[in-house]
Amino acid sequence: MPARAKRPCRHKGCAAITNDVSGYCDQHRKQHAGDGWRNYQSGKSRKERGYGRLWEIKRARILQRDKYLCQNHRRQKIAKKATSVDHIIPKAHGGTDDDSNLESLCWECHRAKTARERIR
């Protein structure tokens, strides 16, 4: 897979170039780490939040790529079936829908990871 293209930092007025998944340079990444959850709007449909038909196609591709195994359990040398696809760096924290930022997780791992991210 080719290297990620470098882009300008998302911080207003910053001229640094980065290829980090969050979109922020090293100097601004921590400063903007929790921005997304403050802007979360409940009551929107899946499609309005970006999880429509295109997401379903990408989700199926990621599950197949990861052989339907929970990547968190796989790192612990345990085989467990994955049922969901999670953003490694959450969209709310500047993550993207790139394949490199997605991994398959079982429901329990996905729920626990999301809970940890929301209290950050």
N, C-alpha and C. Protein backbone atom coordinates (compact mmCIF):
# COMPACT_ATOMS: atom_id res chain seq x y z
N MET A 1 0.85 -1.17 0.00
CA MET A 1 0.00 0.00 0.00
C MET A 1 0.90 1.24 0.00
N PRO A 2 0.62 2.23 -0.84
CA PRO A 2 1.46 3.42 -0.90
C PRO A 2 1.34 4.24 0.39
N ALA A 3 2.37 5.04 0.64
CA ALA A 3 2.36 5.89 1.83
C ALA A 3 1.24 6.92 1.72
N ARG A 4 0.73 7.32 2.83
CA ARG A 4 -0.33 8.31 2.91
C ARG A 4 0.20 9.66 2.44
N ALA A 5 -0.57 10.39 1.65
CA ALA A 5 -0.16 11.71 1.16
C ALA A 5 -0.13 12.72 2.31
N LYS A 6 0.87 13.56 2.30
CA LYS A 6 0.96 14.59 3.34
C LYS A 6 0.00 15.73 3.03
N ARG A 7 -0.60 16.27 4.08
CA ARG A 7 -1.57 17.35 3.95
C ARG A 7 -1.29 18.41 5.00
N PRO A 8 -1.82 19.61 4.81
CA PRO A 8 -1.63 20.66 5.81
C PRO A 8 -2.33 20.29 7.12
N CYS A 9 -1.77 20.73 8.22
CA CYS A 9 -2.37 20.52 9.54
C CYS A 9 -3.75 21.17 9.57
N ARG A 10 -4.71 20.54 10.24
CA ARG A 10 -6.08 21.06 10.32
C ARG A 10 -6.22 22.22 11.30
N HIS A 11 -5.21 22.47 12.11
CA HIS A 11 -5.26 23.57 13.08
C HIS A 11 -5.24 24.90 12.33
N LYS A 12 -6.14 25.79 12.67
CA LYS A 12 -6.26 27.07 11.97
C LYS A 12 -4.96 27.87 12.06
N GLY A 13 -4.41 28.21 10.91
CA GLY A 13 -3.20 29.04 10.85
C GLY A 13 -1.90 28.26 10.87
N CYS A 14 -1.94 26.95 11.02
CA CYS A 14 -0.72 26.15 11.07
C CYS A 14 -0.32 25.77 9.64
N ALA A 15 0.95 25.96 9.31
CA ALA A 15 1.44 25.67 7.98
C ALA A 15 2.17 24.33 7.91
N ALA A 16 2.24 23.61 9.01
CA ALA A 16 2.95 22.32 9.02
C ALA A 16 2.24 21.30 8.13
N ILE A 17 3.02 20.37 7.60
CA ILE A 17 2.47 19.31 6.75
C ILE A 17 2.59 18.00 7.51
N THR A 18 1.53 17.20 7.46
CA THR A 18 1.51 15.95 8.20
C THR A 18 0.83 14.85 7.38
N ASN A 19 1.15 13.62 7.67
CA ASN A 19 0.42 12.51 7.07
C ASN A 19 -0.24 11.68 8.17
N ASP A 20 -0.41 12.27 9.34
CA ASP A 20 -1.06 11.60 10.46
C ASP A 20 -2.55 11.42 10.17
N VAL A 21 -3.12 10.32 10.63
CA VAL A 21 -4.52 10.01 10.39
C VAL A 21 -5.44 11.07 10.99
N SER A 22 -5.05 11.68 12.10
CA SER A 22 -5.90 12.68 12.75
C SER A 22 -5.99 13.97 11.94
N GLY A 23 -5.00 14.24 11.09
CA GLY A 23 -5.00 15.47 10.31
C GLY A 23 -4.28 16.61 10.99
N TYR A 24 -3.76 16.38 12.19
CA TYR A 24 -3.04 17.41 12.92
C TYR A 24 -1.55 17.08 13.00
N CYS A 25 -0.72 18.12 13.03
CA CYS A 25 0.71 17.92 13.17
C CYS A 25 1.02 17.51 14.61
N ASP A 26 2.27 17.13 14.87
CA ASP A 26 2.67 16.69 16.21
C ASP A 26 2.38 17.75 17.27
N GLN A 27 2.56 19.01 16.91
CA GLN A 27 2.39 20.10 17.86
C GLN A 27 0.92 20.28 18.27
N HIS A 28 -0.02 20.01 17.37
CA HIS A 28 -1.43 20.29 17.64
C HIS A 28 -2.29 19.06 17.91
N ARG A 29 -1.75 17.86 17.73
CA ARG A 29 -2.54 16.64 17.88
C ARG A 29 -3.17 16.52 19.26
N LYS A 30 -2.39 16.69 20.31
CA LYS A 30 -2.92 16.55 21.68
C LYS A 30 -3.91 17.67 22.02
N GLN A 31 -3.67 18.86 21.47
CA GLN A 31 -4.54 19.99 21.74
C GLN A 31 -5.96 19.74 21.22
N HIS A 32 -6.08 19.01 20.11
CA HIS A 32 -7.39 18.78 19.49
C HIS A 32 -7.92 17.36 19.73
N ALA A 33 -7.33 16.62 20.63
CA ALA A 33 -7.67 15.21 20.82
C ALA A 33 -9.14 14.98 21.17
N GLY A 34 -9.76 15.81 21.95
CA GLY A 34 -11.14 15.57 22.39
C GLY A 34 -12.18 16.43 21.71
N ASP A 35 -11.82 17.15 20.67
CA ASP A 35 -12.75 18.09 20.03
C ASP A 35 -14.03 17.44 19.54
N GLY A 36 -13.93 16.26 18.98
CA GLY A 36 -15.06 15.65 18.30
C GLY A 36 -16.26 15.34 19.17
N TRP A 37 -16.04 14.81 20.38
CA TRP A 37 -17.18 14.42 21.21
C TRP A 37 -17.99 15.62 21.66
N ARG A 38 -17.37 16.80 21.76
CA ARG A 38 -18.13 17.99 22.13
C ARG A 38 -19.10 18.38 21.02
N ASN A 39 -18.76 18.01 19.78
CA ASN A 39 -19.60 18.37 18.64
C ASN A 39 -20.57 17.26 18.25
N TYR A 40 -20.61 16.18 19.01
CA TYR A 40 -21.49 15.05 18.69
C TYR A 40 -22.94 15.50 18.79
N GLN A 41 -23.72 15.13 17.80
CA GLN A 41 -25.13 15.50 17.79
C GLN A 41 -25.97 14.23 17.79
N SER A 42 -26.67 14.00 18.87
CA SER A 42 -27.52 12.81 18.92
C SER A 42 -28.79 13.06 18.12
N GLY A 43 -29.47 12.01 17.79
CA GLY A 43 -30.73 12.14 17.08
C GLY A 43 -30.59 12.10 15.57
N LYS A 44 -29.38 11.96 15.04
CA LYS A 44 -29.20 11.86 13.60
C LYS A 44 -29.26 10.41 13.18
N SER A 45 -29.69 10.18 11.95
CA SER A 45 -29.77 8.82 11.44
C SER A 45 -28.37 8.30 11.10
N ARG A 46 -28.27 7.00 10.86
CA ARG A 46 -26.98 6.40 10.49
C ARG A 46 -26.44 7.07 9.23
N LYS A 47 -27.29 7.27 8.26
CA LYS A 47 -26.87 7.88 7.00
C LYS A 47 -26.37 9.30 7.21
N GLU A 48 -27.05 10.08 8.04
CA GLU A 48 -26.65 11.46 8.32
C GLU A 48 -25.30 11.51 9.04
N ARG A 49 -24.98 10.45 9.80
CA ARG A 49 -23.69 10.39 10.50
C ARG A 49 -22.59 9.76 9.67
N GLY A 50 -22.89 9.35 8.40
CA GLY A 50 -21.88 8.81 7.51
C GLY A 50 -21.80 7.29 7.49
N TYR A 51 -22.85 6.60 7.93
CA TYR A 51 -22.83 5.14 7.97
C TYR A 51 -23.93 4.55 7.08
N GLY A 52 -24.03 5.05 5.86
CA GLY A 52 -25.02 4.56 4.90
C GLY A 52 -24.49 3.38 4.09
N ARG A 53 -24.92 3.30 2.85
CA ARG A 53 -24.58 2.18 1.97
C ARG A 53 -23.08 2.06 1.72
N LEU A 54 -22.40 3.19 1.49
CA LEU A 54 -20.96 3.14 1.25
C LEU A 54 -20.20 2.58 2.45
N TRP A 55 -20.67 2.92 3.65
CA TRP A 55 -20.04 2.39 4.87
C TRP A 55 -20.24 0.87 4.94
N GLU A 56 -21.44 0.40 4.59
CA GLU A 56 -21.71 -1.04 4.64
C GLU A 56 -20.79 -1.81 3.70
N ILE A 57 -20.49 -1.25 2.53
CA ILE A 57 -19.57 -1.89 1.59
C ILE A 57 -18.17 -1.92 2.18
N LYS A 58 -17.73 -0.80 2.74
CA LYS A 58 -16.40 -0.72 3.35
C LYS A 58 -16.30 -1.66 4.55
N ARG A 59 -17.36 -1.71 5.36
CA ARG A 59 -17.39 -2.57 6.55
C ARG A 59 -17.19 -4.03 6.16
N ALA A 60 -17.90 -4.47 5.13
CA ALA A 60 -17.77 -5.86 4.67
C ALA A 60 -16.35 -6.13 4.19
N ARG A 61 -15.74 -5.17 3.50
CA ARG A 61 -14.37 -5.34 3.01
C ARG A 61 -13.37 -5.44 4.17
N ILE A 62 -13.55 -4.63 5.21
CA ILE A 62 -12.64 -4.66 6.36
C ILE A 62 -12.79 -5.96 7.14
N LEU A 63 -14.03 -6.41 7.35
CA LEU A 63 -14.24 -7.69 8.03
C LEU A 63 -13.56 -8.82 7.27
N GLN A 64 -13.70 -8.82 5.96
CA GLN A 64 -13.06 -9.86 5.14
C GLN A 64 -11.55 -9.74 5.22
N ARG A 65 -11.01 -8.51 5.15
CA ARG A 65 -9.56 -8.29 5.24
C ARG A 65 -9.01 -8.86 6.55
N ASP A 66 -9.73 -8.64 7.65
CA ASP A 66 -9.29 -9.11 8.96
C ASP A 66 -9.74 -10.53 9.27
N LYS A 67 -10.26 -11.22 8.27
CA LYS A 67 -10.69 -12.61 8.38
C LYS A 67 -11.75 -12.82 9.47
N TYR A 68 -12.59 -11.81 9.68
CA TYR A 68 -13.68 -11.86 10.64
C TYR A 68 -13.20 -12.18 12.06
N LEU A 69 -11.99 -11.73 12.39
CA LEU A 69 -11.43 -11.95 13.73
C LEU A 69 -11.30 -10.61 14.45
N CYS A 70 -11.62 -10.61 15.74
CA CYS A 70 -11.45 -9.42 16.57
C CYS A 70 -9.96 -9.12 16.68
N GLN A 71 -9.55 -7.93 16.24
CA GLN A 71 -8.14 -7.58 16.23
C GLN A 71 -7.60 -7.36 17.63
N ASN A 72 -8.44 -6.93 18.56
CA ASN A 72 -8.01 -6.75 19.94
C ASN A 72 -7.69 -8.11 20.56
N HIS A 73 -8.55 -9.09 20.35
CA HIS A 73 -8.30 -10.44 20.87
C HIS A 73 -7.13 -11.10 20.13
N ARG A 74 -7.00 -10.83 18.83
CA ARG A 74 -5.90 -11.40 18.05
C ARG A 74 -4.55 -10.94 18.61
N ARG A 75 -4.47 -9.67 19.03
CA ARG A 75 -3.23 -9.16 19.62
C ARG A 75 -2.89 -9.88 20.93
N GLN A 76 -3.93 -10.43 21.59
CA GLN A 76 -3.74 -11.19 22.82
C GLN A 76 -3.64 -12.69 22.55
N LYS A 77 -3.49 -13.06 21.27
CA LYS A 77 -3.36 -14.46 20.84
C LYS A 77 -4.62 -15.28 21.14
N ILE A 78 -5.78 -14.63 21.05
CA ILE A 78 -7.06 -15.30 21.26
C ILE A 78 -7.88 -15.12 19.99
N ALA A 79 -8.53 -16.16 19.52
CA ALA A 79 -9.37 -16.05 18.33
C ALA A 79 -10.82 -15.83 18.76
N LYS A 80 -11.39 -14.72 18.34
CA LYS A 80 -12.79 -14.42 18.63
C LYS A 80 -13.40 -13.75 17.41
N LYS A 81 -14.63 -14.11 17.09
CA LYS A 81 -15.29 -13.59 15.90
C LYS A 81 -15.59 -12.10 16.04
N ALA A 82 -15.30 -11.34 14.98
CA ALA A 82 -15.59 -9.91 14.95
C ALA A 82 -16.94 -9.68 14.29
N THR A 83 -17.70 -8.75 14.83
CA THR A 83 -19.01 -8.42 14.25
C THR A 83 -19.12 -6.96 13.88
N SER A 84 -18.15 -6.14 14.27
CA SER A 84 -18.23 -4.71 13.97
C SER A 84 -16.88 -4.19 13.50
N VAL A 85 -16.91 -3.04 12.85
CA VAL A 85 -15.70 -2.37 12.37
C VAL A 85 -15.59 -1.05 13.12
N ASP A 86 -14.42 -0.79 13.67
CA ASP A 86 -14.20 0.38 14.51
C ASP A 86 -13.11 1.26 13.92
N HIS A 87 -13.22 2.57 14.17
CA HIS A 87 -12.18 3.52 13.79
C HIS A 87 -11.10 3.48 14.88
N ILE A 88 -9.86 3.22 14.50
CA ILE A 88 -8.75 3.20 15.46
C ILE A 88 -8.64 4.57 16.11
N ILE A 89 -8.55 5.59 15.29
CA ILE A 89 -8.66 6.98 15.77
C ILE A 89 -10.08 7.40 15.43
N PRO A 90 -10.91 7.66 16.43
CA PRO A 90 -12.33 7.95 16.18
C PRO A 90 -12.52 9.15 15.26
N LYS A 91 -13.59 9.11 14.49
CA LYS A 91 -13.91 10.24 13.62
C LYS A 91 -14.09 11.50 14.46
N ALA A 92 -14.61 11.35 15.66
CA ALA A 92 -14.81 12.49 16.55
C ALA A 92 -13.50 13.11 17.01
N HIS A 93 -12.41 12.37 16.90
CA HIS A 93 -11.10 12.88 17.29
C HIS A 93 -10.23 13.17 16.08
N GLY A 94 -10.85 13.25 14.92
CA GLY A 94 -10.11 13.59 13.71
C GLY A 94 -9.74 12.41 12.83
N GLY A 95 -10.18 11.21 13.18
CA GLY A 95 -9.89 10.04 12.37
C GLY A 95 -10.68 10.05 11.06
N THR A 96 -10.28 9.20 10.14
CA THR A 96 -10.93 9.15 8.84
C THR A 96 -11.49 7.75 8.58
N ASP A 97 -12.14 7.59 7.45
CA ASP A 97 -12.67 6.30 7.04
C ASP A 97 -11.67 5.52 6.19
N ASP A 98 -10.40 5.91 6.18
CA ASP A 98 -9.38 5.17 5.44
C ASP A 98 -9.26 3.76 6.00
N ASP A 99 -8.98 2.81 5.12
CA ASP A 99 -8.82 1.41 5.55
C ASP A 99 -7.76 1.27 6.63
N SER A 100 -6.72 2.09 6.58
CA SER A 100 -5.64 2.00 7.58
C SER A 100 -6.10 2.44 8.96
N ASN A 101 -7.25 3.13 9.05
CA ASN A 101 -7.76 3.59 10.34
C ASN A 101 -8.94 2.73 10.82
N LEU A 102 -9.18 1.60 10.17
CA LEU A 102 -10.30 0.74 10.54
C LEU A 102 -9.82 -0.64 10.94
N GLU A 103 -10.50 -1.24 11.93
CA GLU A 103 -10.18 -2.60 12.34
C GLU A 103 -11.45 -3.31 12.78
N SER A 104 -11.45 -4.61 12.65
CA SER A 104 -12.58 -5.44 13.07
C SER A 104 -12.47 -5.72 14.56
N LEU A 105 -13.60 -5.60 15.25
CA LEU A 105 -13.66 -5.88 16.68
C LEU A 105 -14.91 -6.68 17.01
N CYS A 106 -14.85 -7.44 18.09
CA CYS A 106 -16.07 -8.09 18.59
C CYS A 106 -16.89 -7.00 19.29
N TRP A 107 -18.15 -7.29 19.54
CA TRP A 107 -19.03 -6.28 20.12
C TRP A 107 -18.54 -5.81 21.49
N GLU A 108 -18.06 -6.72 22.32
CA GLU A 108 -17.62 -6.35 23.67
C GLU A 108 -16.43 -5.39 23.61
N CYS A 109 -15.46 -5.68 22.75
CA CYS A 109 -14.28 -4.80 22.63
C CYS A 109 -14.66 -3.45 22.05
N HIS A 110 -15.57 -3.45 21.07
CA HIS A 110 -16.01 -2.20 20.46
C HIS A 110 -16.72 -1.32 21.48
N ARG A 111 -17.61 -1.92 22.25
CA ARG A 111 -18.36 -1.17 23.27
C ARG A 111 -17.42 -0.59 24.33
N ALA A 112 -16.45 -1.38 24.79
CA ALA A 112 -15.51 -0.91 25.81
C ALA A 112 -14.62 0.20 25.27
N LYS A 113 -14.15 0.06 24.03
CA LYS A 113 -13.28 1.08 23.44
C LYS A 113 -14.03 2.39 23.26
N THR A 114 -15.27 2.33 22.79
CA THR A 114 -16.08 3.53 22.60
C THR A 114 -16.32 4.22 23.94
N ALA A 115 -16.59 3.46 24.98
CA ALA A 115 -16.81 4.04 26.31
C ALA A 115 -15.55 4.76 26.81
N ARG A 116 -14.38 4.15 26.59
CA ARG A 116 -13.12 4.80 27.00
C ARG A 116 -12.90 6.10 26.23
N GLU A 117 -13.22 6.10 24.95
CA GLU A 117 -13.01 7.28 24.11
C GLU A 117 -13.93 8.43 24.52
N ARG A 118 -15.14 8.13 24.93
CA ARG A 118 -16.08 9.18 25.26
C ARG A 118 -15.74 9.92 26.54
N ILE A 119 -15.01 9.28 27.45
CA ILE A 119 -14.67 9.96 28.71
C ILE A 119 -13.34 10.69 28.63
N ARG A 120 -12.65 10.61 27.49
CA ARG A 120 -11.38 11.31 27.33
C ARG A 120 -11.58 12.80 27.39
